[in-house]
Amino acid sequence: MERMRATWWIAIAGVLAVAAYAAFAALQILVLNPLAATPGKSLEQIRSEASAVGEPLGGAGVLVFLGVGVLLAVILAVVVIRSRIRPVVTALLFLGLLAFGTPAYFAASFGPGMSLADAFGISGADYSPWSLLLYGISALAVVMAVVLAVVLVLAPRDRVTCSR
């Protein structure tokens, strides 16, 4: 029972972490980066000027793309809970999902970044430093997954798992 409770809590924390990552990525793509890329303009001015030259900033597409990660997290939570997967394996799976946040962020931000570049004659790169937080979380997830995998391989079996 203790093992299932741990799996539940890890799955809930994993879904919340992925959802928070996706929400912050959307904020970065749709608000923070456009404001940083075009200083002195309001978000409404940026959107209006970009749309006027045929370069919409793609709000719905970004949300749908990032929403896929949240949906994957929910599906993963259901699978690990119903399959009675060990807590340590559950943690590894969610860390892997967080690690893939960086490529998902890059893919979701590519269109809006190019729209900013084309509309304002700037680079399509990130201007807001807040993207570093997303990269850092994904990098930390990779490091934690590697450490957890090493512990899982090297530790005696009864020290890593919870008894039924």
C-alpha atoms as a PDB file:
ATOM      1  CA  MET A   1       0.000   0.000   0.000  1.00  0.00           C
ATOM      2  CA  GLU A   2       2.859   2.348   0.834  1.00  0.00           C
ATOM      3  CA  ARG A   3       4.354   1.722  -2.600  1.00  0.00           C
ATOM      4  CA  MET A   4       1.098   2.651  -4.369  1.00  0.00           C
ATOM      5  CA  ARG A   5       0.760   5.791  -2.275  1.00  0.00           C
ATOM      6  CA  ALA A   6       4.291   6.839  -3.263  1.00  0.00           C
ATOM      7  CA  THR A   7       3.525   6.160  -6.932  1.00  0.00           C
ATOM      8  CA  TRP A   8       0.344   8.260  -6.658  1.00  0.00           C
ATOM      9  CA  TRP A   9       2.196  11.209  -5.134  1.00  0.00           C
ATOM     10  CA  ILE A  10       5.027  11.036  -7.647  1.00  0.00           C
ATOM     11  CA  ALA A  11       2.528  10.834 -10.519  1.00  0.00           C
ATOM     12  CA  ILE A  12       0.572  13.825  -9.194  1.00  0.00           C
ATOM     13  CA  ALA A  13       3.771  15.825  -8.705  1.00  0.00           C
ATOM     14  CA  GLY A  14       4.908  14.820 -12.193  1.00  0.00           C
ATOM     15  CA  VAL A  15       1.687  15.971 -13.843  1.00  0.00           C
ATOM     16  CA  LEU A  16       1.807  19.251 -11.921  1.00  0.00           C
ATOM     17  CA  ALA A  17       5.470  19.793 -12.851  1.00  0.00           C
ATOM     18  CA  VAL A  18       4.820  19.156 -16.550  1.00  0.00           C
ATOM     19  CA  ALA A  19       1.728  21.403 -16.490  1.00  0.00           C
ATOM     20  CA  ALA A  20       3.680  24.194 -14.764  1.00  0.00           C
ATOM     21  CA  TYR A  21       6.506  23.826 -17.297  1.00  0.00           C
ATOM     22  CA  ALA A  22       4.037  24.032 -20.194  1.00  0.00           C
ATOM     23  CA  ALA A  23       2.229  27.028 -18.684  1.00  0.00           C
ATOM     24  CA  PHE A  24       5.477  28.908 -18.141  1.00  0.00           C
ATOM     25  CA  ALA A  25       6.684  27.995 -21.637  1.00  0.00           C
ATOM     26  CA  ALA A  26       3.447  29.437 -23.063  1.00  0.00           C
ATOM     27  CA  LEU A  27       3.907  32.608 -21.001  1.00  0.00           C
ATOM     28  CA  GLN A  28       7.498  32.887 -22.235  1.00  0.00           C
ATOM     29  CA  ILE A  29       6.553  32.369 -25.892  1.00  0.00           C
ATOM     30  CA  LEU A  30       3.395  34.485 -26.008  1.00  0.00           C
ATOM     31  CA  VAL A  31       4.164  37.302 -23.559  1.00  0.00           C
ATOM     32  CA  LEU A  32       7.664  37.582 -22.103  1.00  0.00           C
ATOM     33  CA  ASN A  33       9.703  37.045 -25.266  1.00  0.00           C
ATOM     34  CA  PRO A  34       7.671  39.383 -27.510  1.00  0.00           C
ATOM     35  CA  LEU A  35       7.908  42.125 -24.865  1.00  0.00           C
ATOM     36  CA  ALA A  36      11.666  41.609 -24.494  1.00  0.00           C
ATOM     37  CA  ALA A  37      12.193  41.466 -28.272  1.00  0.00           C
ATOM     38  CA  THR A  38      10.426  44.774 -28.910  1.00  0.00           C
ATOM     39  CA  PRO A  39      11.161  47.064 -25.955  1.00  0.00           C
ATOM     40  CA  GLY A  40       8.829  49.984 -25.426  1.00  0.00           C
ATOM     41  CA  LYS A  41       5.837  48.358 -27.122  1.00  0.00           C
ATOM     42  CA  SER A  42       2.823  46.902 -25.391  1.00  0.00           C
ATOM     43  CA  LEU A  43       1.805  43.335 -26.093  1.00  0.00           C
ATOM     44  CA  GLU A  44      -1.262  44.621 -27.947  1.00  0.00           C
ATOM     45  CA  GLN A  45       0.927  46.840 -30.161  1.00  0.00           C
ATOM     46  CA  ILE A  46       3.253  43.935 -30.903  1.00  0.00           C
ATOM     47  CA  ARG A  47       0.392  41.634 -31.859  1.00  0.00           C
ATOM     48  CA  SER A  48      -1.286  44.328 -33.932  1.00  0.00           C
ATOM     49  CA  GLU A  49       1.870  45.265 -35.847  1.00  0.00           C
ATOM     50  CA  ALA A  50       2.797  41.622 -36.448  1.00  0.00           C
ATOM     51  CA  SER A  51      -0.710  40.782 -37.680  1.00  0.00           C
ATOM     52  CA  ALA A  52      -0.726  43.845 -39.945  1.00  0.00           C
ATOM     53  CA  VAL A  53       2.208  42.412 -41.913  1.00  0.00           C
ATOM     54  CA  GLY A  54       0.773  38.882 -41.962  1.00  0.00           C
ATOM     55  CA  GLU A  55       2.833  37.488 -39.084  1.00  0.00           C
ATOM     56  CA  PRO A  56       0.460  36.417 -36.289  1.00  0.00           C
ATOM     57  CA  LEU A  57       2.159  35.272 -33.105  1.00  0.00           C
ATOM     58  CA  GLY A  58       0.301  31.945 -33.026  1.00  0.00           C
ATOM     59  CA  GLY A  59      -1.309  31.707 -29.604  1.00  0.00           C
ATOM     60  CA  ALA A  60      -3.591  28.738 -30.266  1.00  0.00           C
ATOM     61  CA  GLY A  61      -0.905  26.652 -31.947  1.00  0.00           C
ATOM     62  CA  VAL A  62       1.493  27.194 -29.066  1.00  0.00           C
ATOM     63  CA  LEU A  63      -1.119  26.195 -26.496  1.00  0.00           C
ATOM     64  CA  VAL A  64      -2.137  23.087 -28.431  1.00  0.00           C
ATOM     65  CA  PHE A  65       1.473  22.015 -28.946  1.00  0.00           C
ATOM     66  CA  LEU A  66       2.405  22.508 -25.289  1.00  0.00           C
ATOM     67  CA  GLY A  67      -0.878  20.932 -24.213  1.00  0.00           C
ATOM     68  CA  VAL A  68       0.261  17.669 -25.788  1.00  0.00           C
ATOM     69  CA  GLY A  69       2.963  17.430 -23.114  1.00  0.00           C
ATOM     70  CA  VAL A  70       0.390  17.880 -20.367  1.00  0.00           C
ATOM     71  CA  LEU A  71      -1.833  15.256 -21.990  1.00  0.00           C
ATOM     72  CA  LEU A  72       1.130  12.861 -22.144  1.00  0.00           C
ATOM     73  CA  ALA A  73       1.779  13.497 -18.442  1.00  0.00           C
ATOM     74  CA  VAL A  74      -1.831  12.678 -17.542  1.00  0.00           C
ATOM     75  CA  ILE A  75      -1.735   9.512 -19.654  1.00  0.00           C
ATOM     76  CA  LEU A  76       1.568   8.531 -18.053  1.00  0.00           C
ATOM     77  CA  ALA A  77       0.096   9.080 -14.580  1.00  0.00           C
ATOM     78  CA  VAL A  78      -2.873   6.843 -15.350  1.00  0.00           C
ATOM     79  CA  VAL A  79      -0.614   4.135 -16.789  1.00  0.00           C
ATOM     80  CA  VAL A  80       1.844   4.089 -13.873  1.00  0.00           C
ATOM     81  CA  ILE A  81      -0.933   4.052 -11.285  1.00  0.00           C
ATOM     82  CA  ARG A  82      -3.016   1.367 -12.991  1.00  0.00           C
ATOM     83  CA  SER A  83       0.054  -0.750 -13.774  1.00  0.00           C
ATOM     84  CA  ARG A  84       1.382  -0.436 -10.218  1.00  0.00           C
ATOM     85  CA  ILE A  85       4.754   0.746 -11.474  1.00  0.00           C
ATOM     86  CA  ARG A  86       7.403   1.204  -8.797  1.00  0.00           C
ATOM     87  CA  PRO A  87       7.815   4.758  -7.483  1.00  0.00           C
ATOM     88  CA  VAL A  88      11.431   5.028  -8.635  1.00  0.00           C
ATOM     89  CA  VAL A  89      10.476   4.054 -12.195  1.00  0.00           C
ATOM     90  CA  THR A  90       7.571   6.504 -12.085  1.00  0.00           C
ATOM     91  CA  ALA A  91       9.980   9.263 -11.091  1.00  0.00           C
ATOM     92  CA  LEU A  92      12.340   8.321 -13.925  1.00  0.00           C
ATOM     93  CA  LEU A  93       9.522   8.468 -16.467  1.00  0.00           C
ATOM     94  CA  PHE A  94       8.348  11.901 -15.344  1.00  0.00           C
ATOM     95  CA  LEU A  95      11.914  13.223 -15.256  1.00  0.00           C
ATOM     96  CA  GLY A  96      12.255  12.023 -18.843  1.00  0.00           C
ATOM     97  CA  LEU A  97       9.102  13.875 -19.807  1.00  0.00           C
ATOM     98  CA  LEU A  98      10.453  17.064 -18.207  1.00  0.00           C
ATOM     99  CA  ALA A  99      13.754  16.587 -20.015  1.00  0.00           C
ATOM    100  CA  PHE A 100      11.864  16.643 -23.308  1.00  0.00           C
ATOM    101  CA  GLY A 101      10.463  20.044 -22.342  1.00  0.00           C
ATOM    102  CA  THR A 102      13.359  21.837 -24.044  1.00  0.00           C
ATOM    103  CA  PRO A 103      12.780  20.366 -27.511  1.00  0.00           C
ATOM    104  CA  ALA A 104       9.036  20.925 -27.074  1.00  0.00           C
ATOM    105  CA  TYR A 105       9.663  24.539 -26.069  1.00  0.00           C
ATOM    106  CA  PHE A 106      11.913  25.048 -29.088  1.00  0.00           C
ATOM    107  CA  ALA A 107       9.336  23.575 -31.461  1.00  0.00           C
ATOM    108  CA  ALA A 108       6.445  25.543 -29.935  1.00  0.00           C
ATOM    109  CA  SER A 109       8.395  28.817 -29.996  1.00  0.00           C
ATOM    110  CA  PHE A 110       9.796  28.484 -33.514  1.00  0.00           C
ATOM    111  CA  GLY A 111       6.771  29.907 -35.366  1.00  0.00           C
ATOM    112  CA  PRO A 112       6.151  32.849 -33.035  1.00  0.00           C
ATOM    113  CA  GLY A 113       9.893  33.599 -32.969  1.00  0.00           C
ATOM    114  CA  MET A 114      10.029  33.691 -36.756  1.00  0.00           C
ATOM    115  CA  SER A 115       6.910  35.865 -36.846  1.00  0.00           C
ATOM    116  CA  LEU A 116       8.642  38.354 -34.537  1.00  0.00           C
ATOM    117  CA  ALA A 117      11.762  38.204 -36.693  1.00  0.00           C
ATOM    118  CA  ASP A 118       9.870  38.817 -39.925  1.00  0.00           C
ATOM    119  CA  ALA A 119       7.563  41.487 -38.524  1.00  0.00           C
ATOM    120  CA  PHE A 120      10.215  43.542 -36.743  1.00  0.00           C
ATOM    121  CA  GLY A 121      13.418  42.757 -38.640  1.00  0.00           C
ATOM    122  CA  ILE A 122      15.084  41.091 -35.655  1.00  0.00           C
ATOM    123  CA  SER A 123      16.517  37.671 -34.881  1.00  0.00           C
ATOM    124  CA  GLY A 124      14.039  34.897 -34.133  1.00  0.00           C
ATOM    125  CA  ALA A 125      16.005  33.893 -31.031  1.00  0.00           C
ATOM    126  CA  ASP A 126      14.872  34.284 -27.440  1.00  0.00           C
ATOM    127  CA  TYR A 127      15.241  37.798 -26.104  1.00  0.00           C
ATOM    128  CA  SER A 128      13.790  37.133 -22.685  1.00  0.00           C
ATOM    129  CA  PRO A 129      16.204  35.552 -20.209  1.00  0.00           C
ATOM    130  CA  TRP A 130      13.336  33.530 -18.728  1.00  0.00           C
ATOM    131  CA  SER A 131      13.831  30.788 -21.319  1.00  0.00           C
ATOM    132  CA  LEU A 132      16.951  29.869 -19.347  1.00  0.00           C
ATOM    133  CA  LEU A 133      14.685  28.710 -16.524  1.00  0.00           C
ATOM    134  CA  LEU A 134      13.049  26.219 -18.880  1.00  0.00           C
ATOM    135  CA  TYR A 135      16.406  24.993 -20.160  1.00  0.00           C
ATOM    136  CA  GLY A 136      17.659  24.691 -16.586  1.00  0.00           C
ATOM    137  CA  ILE A 137      14.669  22.636 -15.472  1.00  0.00           C
ATOM    138  CA  SER A 138      15.114  20.240 -18.384  1.00  0.00           C
ATOM    139  CA  ALA A 139      18.854  19.954 -17.741  1.00  0.00           C
ATOM    140  CA  LEU A 140      18.237  19.320 -14.044  1.00  0.00           C
ATOM    141  CA  ALA A 141      15.692  16.639 -14.959  1.00  0.00           C
ATOM    142  CA  VAL A 142      18.322  14.908 -17.112  1.00  0.00           C
ATOM    143  CA  VAL A 143      20.891  15.023 -14.299  1.00  0.00           C
ATOM    144  CA  MET A 144      18.363  13.768 -11.759  1.00  0.00           C
ATOM    145  CA  ALA A 145      17.276  10.960 -14.084  1.00  0.00           C
ATOM    146  CA  VAL A 146      20.880   9.845 -14.580  1.00  0.00           C
ATOM    147  CA  VAL A 147      21.564   9.918 -10.827  1.00  0.00           C
ATOM    148  CA  LEU A 148      18.343   8.056 -10.107  1.00  0.00           C
ATOM    149  CA  ALA A 149      19.135   5.455 -12.778  1.00  0.00           C
ATOM    150  CA  VAL A 150      22.610   4.912 -11.316  1.00  0.00           C
ATOM    151  CA  VAL A 151      21.158   4.553  -7.818  1.00  0.00           C
ATOM    152  CA  LEU A 152      18.572   2.140  -9.173  1.00  0.00           C
ATOM    153  CA  VAL A 153      21.246  -0.011 -10.800  1.00  0.00           C
ATOM    154  CA  LEU A 154      23.770   0.072  -7.945  1.00  0.00           C
ATOM    155  CA  ALA A 155      21.580  -0.031  -4.841  1.00  0.00           C
ATOM    156  CA  PRO A 156      20.419  -3.291  -3.325  1.00  0.00           C
ATOM    157  CA  ARG A 157      16.916  -4.038  -4.585  1.00  0.00           C
ATOM    158  CA  ASP A 158      15.210  -3.709  -1.182  1.00  0.00           C
ATOM    159  CA  ARG A 159      16.630  -0.209  -0.624  1.00  0.00           C
ATOM    160  CA  VAL A 160      15.143   1.280  -3.797  1.00  0.00           C
ATOM    161  CA  THR A 161      11.670  -0.216  -3.762  1.00  0.00           C
ATOM    162  CA  CYS A 162       8.940  -0.036  -1.189  1.00  0.00           C
ATOM    163  CA  SER A 163       7.522  -3.265   0.127  1.00  0.00           C
ATOM    164  CA  ARG A 164       4.003  -4.230  -0.888  1.00  0.00           C
END
